[in-house]
Amino acid sequence: MDSEVITGIISSLGVVGALVWYLYHNTTTTIPNLTKLYTESQERVARNFANTQKDIATNFASTLEQERSYRKQEIAALQQWIKSEASCKYNTDRK
């Protein structure tokens, strides 16, 4: 065997070996790790979004309840005022 042939075989196998290792490493380690990190980050985003939506709904319900209570009081006061001050007093000045 000639030294150039041996060098050529070794260099060819070295490039193929490096390529095989690179593909193996990507498919067994790098891509699964990236997928896991991405999935975890998306789960955090989804949890944060759900918590934010829950807080918004709770705050809205509380605000709406306060508004309803205020309007009920306002209506009761208006009804009282209408009965006492603004009621129709037709023929009250006649005998």
C-alpha atoms as a PDB file:
ATOM      1  CA  MET A   1       0.000   0.000   0.000  1.00  0.00           C
ATOM      2  CA  ASP A   2       1.123   3.428  -0.894  1.00  0.00           C
ATOM      3  CA  SER A   3       1.204   6.138   1.777  1.00  0.00           C
ATOM      4  CA  GLU A   4      -0.982   8.405  -0.358  1.00  0.00           C
ATOM      5  CA  VAL A   5      -3.661   5.721  -0.569  1.00  0.00           C
ATOM      6  CA  ILE A   6      -3.589   5.192   3.194  1.00  0.00           C
ATOM      7  CA  THR A   7      -3.747   8.952   3.796  1.00  0.00           C
ATOM      8  CA  GLY A   8      -6.673   9.232   1.362  1.00  0.00           C
ATOM      9  CA  ILE A   9      -8.574   6.386   3.066  1.00  0.00           C
ATOM     10  CA  ILE A  10      -7.972   7.820   6.535  1.00  0.00           C
ATOM     11  CA  SER A  11      -8.975  11.326   5.482  1.00  0.00           C
ATOM     12  CA  SER A  12     -12.123  10.025   3.765  1.00  0.00           C
ATOM     13  CA  LEU A  13     -13.095   7.957   6.789  1.00  0.00           C
ATOM     14  CA  GLY A  14     -12.301  10.906   9.062  1.00  0.00           C
ATOM     15  CA  VAL A  15     -14.680  13.219   7.196  1.00  0.00           C
ATOM     16  CA  VAL A  16     -17.379  10.541   7.050  1.00  0.00           C
ATOM     17  CA  GLY A  17     -16.787   9.696  10.719  1.00  0.00           C
ATOM     18  CA  ALA A  18     -17.060  13.356  11.726  1.00  0.00           C
ATOM     19  CA  LEU A  19     -20.252  13.684   9.713  1.00  0.00           C
ATOM     20  CA  VAL A  20     -21.726  10.538  11.260  1.00  0.00           C
ATOM     21  CA  TRP A  21     -20.824  11.747  14.750  1.00  0.00           C
ATOM     22  CA  TYR A  22     -22.304  15.189  14.035  1.00  0.00           C
ATOM     23  CA  LEU A  23     -25.591  13.723  12.793  1.00  0.00           C
ATOM     24  CA  TYR A  24     -25.751  11.260  15.693  1.00  0.00           C
ATOM     25  CA  HIS A  25     -25.057  13.986  18.249  1.00  0.00           C
ATOM     26  CA  ASN A  26     -27.678  16.316  16.741  1.00  0.00           C
ATOM     27  CA  THR A  27     -30.395  13.668  16.614  1.00  0.00           C
ATOM     28  CA  THR A  28     -29.736  12.205  20.059  1.00  0.00           C
ATOM     29  CA  THR A  29     -28.713  15.234  22.137  1.00  0.00           C
ATOM     30  CA  THR A  30     -29.018  18.684  20.603  1.00  0.00           C
ATOM     31  CA  ILE A  31     -32.477  18.509  19.001  1.00  0.00           C
ATOM     32  CA  PRO A  32     -34.156  16.782  21.988  1.00  0.00           C
ATOM     33  CA  ASN A  33     -32.616  19.344  24.373  1.00  0.00           C
ATOM     34  CA  LEU A  34     -33.803  22.230  22.217  1.00  0.00           C
ATOM     35  CA  THR A  35     -37.266  20.682  21.968  1.00  0.00           C
ATOM     36  CA  LYS A  36     -37.437  20.239  25.746  1.00  0.00           C
ATOM     37  CA  LEU A  37     -36.365  23.849  26.397  1.00  0.00           C
ATOM     38  CA  TYR A  38     -38.861  25.175  23.863  1.00  0.00           C
ATOM     39  CA  THR A  39     -41.691  23.086  25.314  1.00  0.00           C
ATOM     40  CA  GLU A  40     -40.910  24.259  28.848  1.00  0.00           C
ATOM     41  CA  SER A  41     -40.831  27.896  27.780  1.00  0.00           C
ATOM     42  CA  GLN A  42     -44.151  27.529  25.946  1.00  0.00           C
ATOM     43  CA  GLU A  43     -45.702  25.916  29.018  1.00  0.00           C
ATOM     44  CA  ARG A  44     -44.521  28.873  31.136  1.00  0.00           C
ATOM     45  CA  VAL A  45     -46.002  31.303  28.634  1.00  0.00           C
ATOM     46  CA  ALA A  46     -49.305  29.402  28.645  1.00  0.00           C
ATOM     47  CA  ARG A  47     -49.407  29.349  32.463  1.00  0.00           C
ATOM     48  CA  ASN A  48     -48.655  33.076  32.664  1.00  0.00           C
ATOM     49  CA  PHE A  49     -51.349  33.795  30.089  1.00  0.00           C
ATOM     50  CA  ALA A  50     -53.902  31.671  31.953  1.00  0.00           C
ATOM     51  CA  ASN A  51     -53.056  33.376  35.256  1.00  0.00           C
ATOM     52  CA  THR A  52     -53.315  36.806  33.651  1.00  0.00           C
ATOM     53  CA  GLN A  53     -56.681  35.958  32.104  1.00  0.00           C
ATOM     54  CA  LYS A  54     -57.911  34.652  35.451  1.00  0.00           C
ATOM     55  CA  ASP A  55     -56.806  37.860  37.199  1.00  0.00           C
ATOM     56  CA  ILE A  56     -58.486  39.984  34.541  1.00  0.00           C
ATOM     57  CA  ALA A  57     -61.733  38.032  34.872  1.00  0.00           C
ATOM     58  CA  THR A  58     -61.647  38.251  38.665  1.00  0.00           C
ATOM     59  CA  ASN A  59     -60.955  41.986  38.614  1.00  0.00           C
ATOM     60  CA  PHE A  60     -63.692  42.544  36.049  1.00  0.00           C
ATOM     61  CA  ALA A  61     -66.215  40.561  38.097  1.00  0.00           C
ATOM     62  CA  SER A  62     -65.295  42.531  41.213  1.00  0.00           C
ATOM     63  CA  THR A  63     -65.573  45.853  39.412  1.00  0.00           C
ATOM     64  CA  LEU A  64     -68.879  44.839  37.862  1.00  0.00           C
ATOM     65  CA  GLU A  65     -70.256  43.829  41.269  1.00  0.00           C
ATOM     66  CA  GLN A  66     -69.225  47.183  42.737  1.00  0.00           C
ATOM     67  CA  GLU A  67     -70.855  48.981  39.813  1.00  0.00           C
ATOM     68  CA  ARG A  68     -74.094  47.024  40.262  1.00  0.00           C
ATOM     69  CA  SER A  69     -74.162  47.786  43.976  1.00  0.00           C
ATOM     70  CA  TYR A  70     -73.583  51.479  43.328  1.00  0.00           C
ATOM     71  CA  ARG A  71     -76.321  51.589  40.673  1.00  0.00           C
ATOM     72  CA  LYS A  72     -78.792  49.830  42.999  1.00  0.00           C
ATOM     73  CA  GLN A  73     -78.125  52.453  45.656  1.00  0.00           C
ATOM     74  CA  GLU A  74     -78.437  55.200  43.082  1.00  0.00           C
ATOM     75  CA  ILE A  75     -81.759  53.834  41.819  1.00  0.00           C
ATOM     76  CA  ALA A  76     -83.104  53.521  45.375  1.00  0.00           C
ATOM     77  CA  ALA A  77     -82.115  57.130  46.099  1.00  0.00           C
ATOM     78  CA  LEU A  78     -83.699  58.275  42.836  1.00  0.00           C
ATOM     79  CA  GLN A  79     -86.909  56.412  43.629  1.00  0.00           C
ATOM     80  CA  GLN A  80     -87.029  58.039  47.045  1.00  0.00           C
ATOM     81  CA  TRP A  81     -86.447  61.460  45.546  1.00  0.00           C
ATOM     82  CA  ILE A  82     -89.177  60.911  42.942  1.00  0.00           C
ATOM     83  CA  LYS A  83     -91.648  59.862  45.652  1.00  0.00           C
ATOM     84  CA  SER A  84     -90.884  62.793  47.889  1.00  0.00           C
ATOM     85  CA  GLU A  85     -89.941  65.682  45.619  1.00  0.00           C
ATOM     86  CA  ALA A  86     -90.894  65.075  42.043  1.00  0.00           C
ATOM     87  CA  SER A  87     -94.177  63.262  42.341  1.00  0.00           C
ATOM     88  CA  CYS A  88     -97.061  64.597  40.393  1.00  0.00           C
ATOM     89  CA  LYS A  89     -99.018  66.943  42.574  1.00  0.00           C
ATOM     90  CA  TYR A  90    -101.898  67.506  40.201  1.00  0.00           C
ATOM     91  CA  ASN A  91    -104.837  69.284  41.770  1.00  0.00           C
ATOM     92  CA  THR A  92    -103.074  69.742  45.092  1.00  0.00           C
ATOM     93  CA  ASP A  93    -103.637  73.478  44.890  1.00  0.00           C
ATOM     94  CA  ARG A  94    -107.397  73.069  44.316  1.00  0.00           C
ATOM     95  CA  LYS A  95    -109.997  72.308  46.857  1.00  0.00           C
END
